[in-house]
Amino acid sequence: MIHSKGWVHGDVRPANIFLGDDGRVRLAGLGQKRATTPESMSLEQSFYVAPEVAVGGVADAKSDIYSLSLTLLELVTGSVPFASDTVASTLAARVDALLPVSADLGPIAAPLERAARPAPEDRSSALEFGQALAAIAGKLPLPEPIETLQAKRFEEVIEQREQERTGELQRPVIDEAAAVDKPVTVVSTPTGVTIADDTGSQPLVIASPTEVKRHRTVWMIGVLIAVTVAGVLAFQTLFTTSHVVPDVAGMQQAEALNVLAPFKWNVVVTAQRSEGSAAGTVLGTDPEAGADLAEGSTLTMFVSEGEPLATLPDLTGVPEADAIAQLITETLV
């Protein structure tokens, strides 16, 4: 809304976001003067600043989207990416850096990653970001209700209680003349009836209606649990969604994780050394690209640690010139 009016907030962060009594989220601080240089901003402000602002640029609508993405990521994970002990190091860490979004976040990972790309022109607009979040909302588990304190006058509570009354309390009238001591016969409730036949065999115990009802209830609960478990297992077996494994070889690790995030796989990163590959480059996956893999399954992604380590030859007692020549021959220097 504010972007369509030509406004820019410039300081989107948790300290400026509030949840009202009506359950609506509100953004405070619009129109205030902002600290836009590393020397003037606080450490907390630097946690959410966009890269273009970190290098001295002017905040715009895309800067707000970047800050909102980091705020939402903190809301989900509990930590802010690129955060450091000083303003300068915090700002420097995000310049030209992709947002480290874990595949464990599921379908929300892709919208967050796009909204916080290093280049402003590559980011989502406010409308696109909102539409993306709305599209994946149905795929996310519903959160537990949050208890909030609401301002409510004590008089309103009293008034509500008065309105809930159905009438005055009627006390019973006791006739003292009729209240004489009389013997009372107490009959215990039988738990069952015992019947003995004429043959002298063991007596037959017939359960009382209460016991029959209790056993029937337990039996029905057991059947209900069994049917529920069977239904869940059948649903998981018949309706588990599968996806084709994309080709992420050659991508950087963070980029590949963002590509794999929407498929709801358990991605396990395994480091390997490979000749001719740069550190951080994806070498391949298991299962390989093109294979079908069900949601919730494990996908192993192999990431390069760099060139293979060479074995140093034993040069003990070798003259210096000969040792250097041998190292050059084996491309170790």
Protein backbone atom coordinates (compact mmCIF):
# COMPACT_ATOMS: atom_id res chain seq x y z
CA MET A 1 0.00 0.00 0.00
CA ILE A 2 2.67 2.57 0.99
CA HIS A 3 4.84 1.67 -2.01
CA SER A 4 1.93 2.31 -4.40
CA LYS A 5 1.68 5.80 -2.87
CA GLY A 6 5.37 6.47 -3.48
CA TRP A 7 6.35 6.04 0.18
CA VAL A 8 9.36 4.09 1.46
CA HIS A 9 9.63 2.99 5.08
CA GLY A 10 13.39 2.44 5.18
CA ASP A 11 13.54 0.69 8.56
CA VAL A 12 11.47 -2.50 8.40
CA ARG A 13 12.49 -4.66 11.38
CA PRO A 14 10.80 -6.44 14.31
CA ALA A 15 11.01 -3.36 16.55
CA ASN A 16 8.63 -1.52 14.19
CA ILE A 17 6.11 -4.35 13.72
CA PHE A 18 3.18 -4.75 16.12
CA LEU A 19 0.25 -7.16 16.50
CA GLY A 20 -3.00 -5.42 17.40
CA ASP A 21 -5.86 -6.67 19.56
CA ASP A 22 -7.77 -7.42 16.36
CA GLY A 23 -5.04 -9.80 15.17
CA ARG A 24 -3.83 -7.47 12.40
CA VAL A 25 -0.14 -6.67 11.91
CA ARG A 26 0.81 -2.98 11.88
CA LEU A 27 4.02 -1.28 10.72
CA ALA A 28 5.10 1.70 12.83
CA GLY A 29 7.62 4.47 12.21
CA LEU A 30 6.56 5.53 8.71
CA GLY A 31 7.88 8.96 7.78
CA GLN A 32 10.53 9.18 10.49
CA LYS A 33 14.07 10.29 9.78
CA ARG A 34 16.31 7.28 9.22
CA ALA A 35 19.96 6.55 9.98
CA THR A 36 21.34 5.67 6.54
CA THR A 37 25.09 5.47 7.13
CA PRO A 38 27.11 2.85 9.04
CA GLU A 39 28.27 5.56 11.41
CA SER A 40 24.75 6.62 12.39
CA MET A 41 22.75 3.37 12.47
CA SER A 42 22.52 1.01 15.42
CA LEU A 43 23.69 -2.60 15.35
CA GLU A 44 20.07 -3.81 15.39
CA GLN A 45 19.21 -1.63 12.38
CA SER A 46 22.16 -3.03 10.45
CA PHE A 47 20.80 -6.58 10.84
CA TYR A 48 17.97 -5.82 8.38
CA VAL A 49 19.52 -3.26 5.99
CA ALA A 50 19.56 -4.09 2.26
CA PRO A 51 22.96 -4.46 0.51
CA GLU A 52 22.50 -1.34 -1.63
CA VAL A 53 21.97 0.73 1.53
CA ALA A 54 24.97 -0.95 3.16
CA VAL A 55 27.25 0.44 0.43
CA GLY A 56 25.86 3.97 0.69
CA GLY A 57 22.82 3.80 -1.60
CA VAL A 58 19.37 5.23 -0.95
CA ALA A 59 16.64 2.95 0.37
CA ASP A 60 13.73 2.29 -1.98
CA ALA A 61 10.74 -0.06 -2.13
CA LYS A 62 12.94 -3.06 -2.93
CA SER A 63 15.03 -2.27 0.17
CA ASP A 64 11.89 -2.60 2.30
CA ILE A 65 11.17 -5.99 0.71
CA TYR A 66 14.70 -7.19 1.53
CA SER A 67 14.31 -6.11 5.16
CA LEU A 68 10.90 -7.77 5.41
CA SER A 69 12.32 -11.04 4.06
CA LEU A 70 15.06 -11.05 6.73
CA THR A 71 12.46 -10.25 9.39
CA LEU A 72 10.26 -13.17 8.31
CA LEU A 73 13.26 -15.50 8.16
CA GLU A 74 14.14 -14.53 11.73
CA LEU A 75 10.52 -15.13 12.74
CA VAL A 76 10.71 -18.67 11.34
CA THR A 77 14.26 -19.67 12.36
CA GLY A 78 14.95 -17.48 15.39
CA SER A 79 18.16 -15.98 13.97
CA VAL A 80 19.15 -13.22 11.52
CA PRO A 81 21.51 -14.10 8.65
CA PHE A 82 24.73 -12.09 8.17
CA ALA A 83 24.56 -10.78 11.77
CA SER A 84 27.91 -9.92 13.36
CA ASP A 85 29.32 -8.07 16.36
CA THR A 86 29.77 -4.72 14.61
CA VAL A 87 27.77 -2.63 12.16
CA ALA A 88 30.56 -2.60 9.57
CA SER A 89 31.07 -6.37 9.52
CA THR A 90 27.32 -7.01 9.50
CA LEU A 91 26.80 -4.77 6.47
CA ALA A 92 29.82 -6.15 4.61
CA ALA A 93 28.68 -9.76 5.04
CA ARG A 94 25.53 -9.30 2.95
CA VAL A 95 26.98 -7.46 -0.05
CA ASP A 96 26.64 -9.70 -3.17
CA ALA A 97 25.60 -12.62 -0.92
CA LEU A 98 22.62 -14.91 -1.46
CA LEU A 99 20.24 -15.41 1.43
CA PRO A 100 21.18 -18.68 3.22
CA VAL A 101 17.75 -20.32 3.22
CA SER A 102 17.60 -23.90 4.47
CA ALA A 103 15.64 -26.54 2.57
CA ASP A 104 14.08 -27.50 5.92
CA LEU A 105 11.84 -24.42 5.64
CA GLY A 106 9.88 -26.09 2.86
CA PRO A 107 7.80 -24.05 0.38
CA ILE A 108 8.40 -20.72 2.14
CA ALA A 109 12.13 -20.87 1.30
CA ALA A 110 11.75 -19.83 -2.36
CA PRO A 111 9.68 -16.63 -1.74
CA LEU A 112 12.08 -15.54 1.02
CA GLU A 113 15.12 -16.14 -1.18
CA ARG A 114 13.72 -14.17 -4.12
CA ALA A 115 12.68 -11.26 -1.92
CA ALA A 116 16.22 -10.94 -0.52
CA ARG A 117 18.40 -11.29 -3.59
CA PRO A 118 21.51 -9.07 -3.64
CA ALA A 119 20.46 -7.07 -6.73
CA PRO A 120 17.29 -4.99 -6.18
CA GLU A 121 16.06 -5.58 -9.74
CA ASP A 122 16.03 -9.34 -9.08
CA ARG A 123 13.80 -9.07 -6.01
CA SER A 124 10.06 -9.45 -5.76
CA SER A 125 7.84 -6.42 -5.54
CA ALA A 126 5.57 -6.05 -2.52
CA LEU A 127 2.63 -7.40 -4.56
CA GLU A 128 4.63 -10.36 -5.89
CA PHE A 129 5.97 -11.18 -2.44
CA GLY A 130 2.49 -11.09 -0.94
CA GLN A 131 1.04 -13.25 -3.71
CA ALA A 132 3.85 -15.80 -3.31
CA LEU A 133 3.28 -16.06 0.44
CA ALA A 134 -0.48 -16.38 -0.05
CA ALA A 135 0.05 -19.14 -2.63
CA ILE A 136 2.08 -21.32 -0.27
CA ALA A 137 0.07 -20.55 2.87
CA GLY A 138 -2.14 -23.58 2.34
CA LYS A 139 0.90 -25.87 2.23
CA LEU A 140 2.25 -24.76 5.61
CA PRO A 141 1.15 -26.20 8.97
CA LEU A 142 -1.19 -23.98 10.95
CA PRO A 143 0.52 -22.32 13.94
CA GLU A 144 -0.77 -22.61 17.47
CA PRO A 145 -2.91 -19.64 18.61
CA ILE A 146 -0.93 -16.89 20.30
CA GLU A 147 -2.22 -15.61 23.64
CA THR A 148 -2.33 -11.82 23.65
CA LEU A 149 -3.18 -9.37 26.41
CA GLN A 150 -6.11 -7.15 25.53
CA ALA A 151 -7.08 -3.94 27.29
CA LYS A 152 -10.46 -4.62 28.84
CA ARG A 153 -11.97 -2.66 31.70
CA PHE A 154 -13.04 -4.51 34.83
CA GLU A 155 -16.44 -2.83 34.60
CA GLU A 156 -17.04 -4.49 31.23
CA VAL A 157 -16.42 -7.90 32.78
CA ILE A 158 -18.91 -7.18 35.58
CA GLU A 159 -21.49 -5.96 33.07
CA GLN A 160 -21.07 -9.09 31.00
CA ARG A 161 -21.52 -11.30 34.06
CA GLU A 162 -24.69 -9.39 34.99
CA GLN A 163 -26.11 -9.98 31.51
CA GLU A 164 -25.39 -13.71 31.78
CA ARG A 165 -27.56 -14.08 34.91
CA THR A 166 -30.75 -16.06 34.42
CA GLY A 167 -32.43 -15.03 37.68
CA GLU A 168 -31.99 -14.76 41.41
CA LEU A 169 -30.67 -17.66 43.44
CA GLN A 170 -33.57 -19.71 44.89
CA ARG A 171 -32.70 -21.27 48.24
CA PRO A 172 -34.61 -24.44 49.27
CA VAL A 173 -37.12 -24.18 52.17
CA ILE A 174 -36.64 -26.88 54.80
CA ASP A 175 -39.66 -28.12 56.79
CA GLU A 176 -38.10 -28.64 60.22
CA ALA A 177 -41.21 -30.42 61.50
CA ALA A 178 -40.89 -33.06 58.85
CA ALA A 179 -37.17 -33.45 59.37
CA VAL A 180 -37.30 -36.37 61.84
CA ASP A 181 -34.80 -39.11 62.21
CA LYS A 182 -35.85 -42.16 60.25
CA PRO A 183 -33.84 -45.23 59.45
CA VAL A 184 -32.54 -45.22 55.95
CA THR A 185 -31.75 -48.36 54.00
CA VAL A 186 -28.72 -48.00 51.78
CA VAL A 187 -28.72 -50.25 48.74
CA SER A 188 -25.35 -50.65 47.05
CA THR A 189 -25.18 -50.64 43.31
CA PRO A 190 -24.39 -54.17 42.14
CA THR A 191 -21.52 -54.57 39.76
CA GLY A 192 -22.96 -57.80 38.40
CA VAL A 193 -25.51 -60.56 38.95
CA THR A 194 -24.44 -64.09 39.93
CA ILE A 195 -26.63 -66.99 38.80
CA ALA A 196 -26.01 -70.58 39.89
CA ASP A 197 -27.52 -73.48 37.96
CA ASP A 198 -28.70 -76.84 39.31
CA THR A 199 -25.73 -78.79 37.98
CA GLY A 200 -23.36 -77.54 40.64
CA SER A 201 -20.98 -76.01 38.10
CA GLN A 202 -19.28 -72.65 38.49
CA PRO A 203 -21.75 -69.74 38.82
CA LEU A 204 -22.36 -67.57 35.79
CA VAL A 205 -21.61 -63.87 36.35
CA ILE A 206 -23.63 -61.48 34.19
CA ALA A 207 -22.08 -58.02 33.92
CA SER A 208 -24.15 -55.05 34.94
CA PRO A 209 -25.32 -52.55 32.26
CA THR A 210 -22.67 -50.09 33.48
CA GLU A 211 -19.87 -52.60 32.92
CA VAL A 212 -21.23 -53.58 29.51
CA LYS A 213 -21.38 -49.93 28.47
CA ARG A 214 -17.81 -49.30 29.70
CA HIS A 215 -16.39 -52.29 27.81
CA ARG A 216 -18.29 -51.29 24.69
CA THR A 217 -16.84 -47.75 24.90
CA VAL A 218 -13.28 -49.05 25.26
CA TRP A 219 -13.81 -51.37 22.31
CA MET A 220 -15.18 -48.55 20.13
CA ILE A 221 -12.22 -46.28 21.02
CA GLY A 222 -9.81 -49.07 20.06
CA VAL A 223 -11.54 -49.58 16.72
CA LEU A 224 -11.52 -45.83 16.06
CA ILE A 225 -7.77 -45.60 16.74
CA ALA A 226 -7.07 -48.58 14.48
CA VAL A 227 -9.15 -47.13 11.64
CA THR A 228 -7.44 -43.73 12.00
CA VAL A 229 -3.94 -45.23 11.89
CA ALA A 230 -4.86 -47.39 8.90
CA GLY A 231 -6.28 -44.36 7.10
CA VAL A 232 -3.13 -42.31 7.70
CA LEU A 233 -0.91 -45.13 6.45
CA ALA A 234 -3.08 -45.62 3.37
CA PHE A 235 -3.05 -41.90 2.62
CA GLN A 236 0.73 -41.71 2.92
CA THR A 237 1.13 -44.77 0.70
CA LEU A 238 -1.33 -43.79 -2.03
CA PHE A 239 -1.13 -40.01 -2.08
CA THR A 240 2.51 -39.12 -1.37
CA THR A 241 3.59 -36.57 -3.98
CA SER A 242 6.74 -37.21 -6.01
CA HIS A 243 8.88 -34.77 -7.97
CA VAL A 244 11.57 -35.07 -10.62
CA VAL A 245 15.02 -34.31 -9.22
CA PRO A 246 16.31 -31.15 -10.99
CA ASP A 247 19.85 -30.81 -12.30
CA VAL A 248 21.71 -28.59 -9.83
CA ALA A 249 25.23 -29.63 -10.80
CA GLY A 250 27.47 -26.61 -11.29
CA MET A 251 25.40 -24.34 -9.04
CA GLN A 252 26.64 -22.84 -5.80
CA GLN A 253 25.42 -24.61 -2.66
CA ALA A 254 23.06 -21.83 -1.51
CA GLU A 255 21.49 -21.48 -4.95
CA ALA A 256 20.97 -25.24 -5.24
CA LEU A 257 19.31 -25.42 -1.80
CA ASN A 258 16.87 -22.71 -2.85
CA VAL A 259 16.02 -24.65 -6.03
CA LEU A 260 15.39 -27.86 -4.05
CA ALA A 261 13.44 -26.24 -1.20
CA PRO A 262 9.92 -26.36 -2.78
CA PHE A 263 10.09 -30.16 -3.20
CA LYS A 264 10.02 -30.90 0.57
CA TRP A 265 12.97 -33.31 0.51
CA ASN A 266 15.40 -33.90 3.36
CA VAL A 267 18.56 -32.54 1.72
CA VAL A 268 21.83 -33.87 3.14
CA VAL A 269 25.00 -32.04 2.03
CA THR A 270 28.12 -34.20 1.64
CA ALA A 271 31.50 -32.55 1.01
CA GLN A 272 33.89 -34.06 -1.55
CA ARG A 273 37.06 -33.03 -3.32
CA SER A 274 37.01 -33.13 -7.10
CA GLU A 275 39.59 -32.23 -9.68
CA GLY A 276 38.78 -29.10 -11.65
CA SER A 277 35.98 -27.93 -9.35
CA ALA A 278 35.81 -24.80 -7.24
CA ALA A 279 34.94 -24.98 -3.55
CA GLY A 280 31.21 -24.64 -2.89
CA THR A 281 30.18 -25.94 -6.33
CA VAL A 282 27.57 -28.70 -6.49
CA LEU A 283 28.97 -31.88 -8.09
CA GLY A 284 25.73 -33.86 -8.29
CA THR A 285 22.97 -35.55 -6.32
CA ASP A 286 21.81 -38.98 -5.22
CA PRO A 287 19.31 -39.84 -6.67
CA GLU A 288 20.60 -38.32 -9.89
CA ALA A 289 18.85 -35.58 -11.85
CA GLY A 290 15.76 -36.85 -13.68
CA ALA A 291 14.80 -39.46 -11.09
CA ASP A 292 11.46 -39.39 -9.27
CA LEU A 293 11.68 -38.77 -5.52
CA ALA A 294 8.78 -38.67 -3.07
CA GLU A 295 8.31 -35.73 -0.71
CA GLY A 296 9.94 -36.36 2.67
CA SER A 297 12.63 -38.60 1.15
CA THR A 298 16.36 -37.98 1.58
CA LEU A 299 18.32 -36.34 -1.23
CA THR A 300 22.11 -36.33 -0.91
CA MET A 301 23.82 -33.33 -2.54
CA PHE A 302 27.56 -33.57 -3.15
CA VAL A 303 29.41 -30.25 -2.80
CA SER A 304 33.04 -29.69 -3.76
CA GLU A 305 35.65 -28.77 -1.16
CA GLY A 306 38.07 -27.88 -3.94
CA GLU A 307 40.90 -29.68 -5.70
CA PRO A 308 42.12 -33.02 -4.32
CA LEU A 309 44.96 -32.74 -1.84
CA ALA A 310 48.34 -33.81 -3.20
CA THR A 311 50.77 -36.10 -1.38
CA LEU A 312 54.13 -34.54 -0.62
CA PRO A 313 57.09 -36.68 -1.66
CA ASP A 314 59.80 -37.57 0.85
CA LEU A 315 62.64 -35.16 0.07
CA THR A 316 64.74 -35.91 3.11
CA GLY A 317 68.42 -35.68 2.15
CA VAL A 318 67.68 -34.45 -1.40
CA PRO A 319 69.68 -31.37 -2.46
CA GLU A 320 67.65 -28.14 -2.50
CA ALA A 321 67.83 -27.64 -6.27
CA ASP A 322 66.73 -31.22 -6.95
CA ALA A 323 63.94 -30.97 -4.38
CA ILE A 324 62.57 -27.77 -5.96
CA ALA A 325 62.74 -29.33 -9.41
CA GLN A 326 60.79 -32.38 -8.23
CA LEU A 327 58.12 -30.22 -6.59
CA ILE A 328 57.75 -28.21 -9.80
CA THR A 329 57.43 -31.41 -11.82
CA GLU A 330 54.62 -32.60 -9.59
CA THR A 331 52.95 -29.11 -9.76
CA LEU A 332 53.26 -28.64 -6.01
CA VAL A 333 54.81 -25.16 -6.30
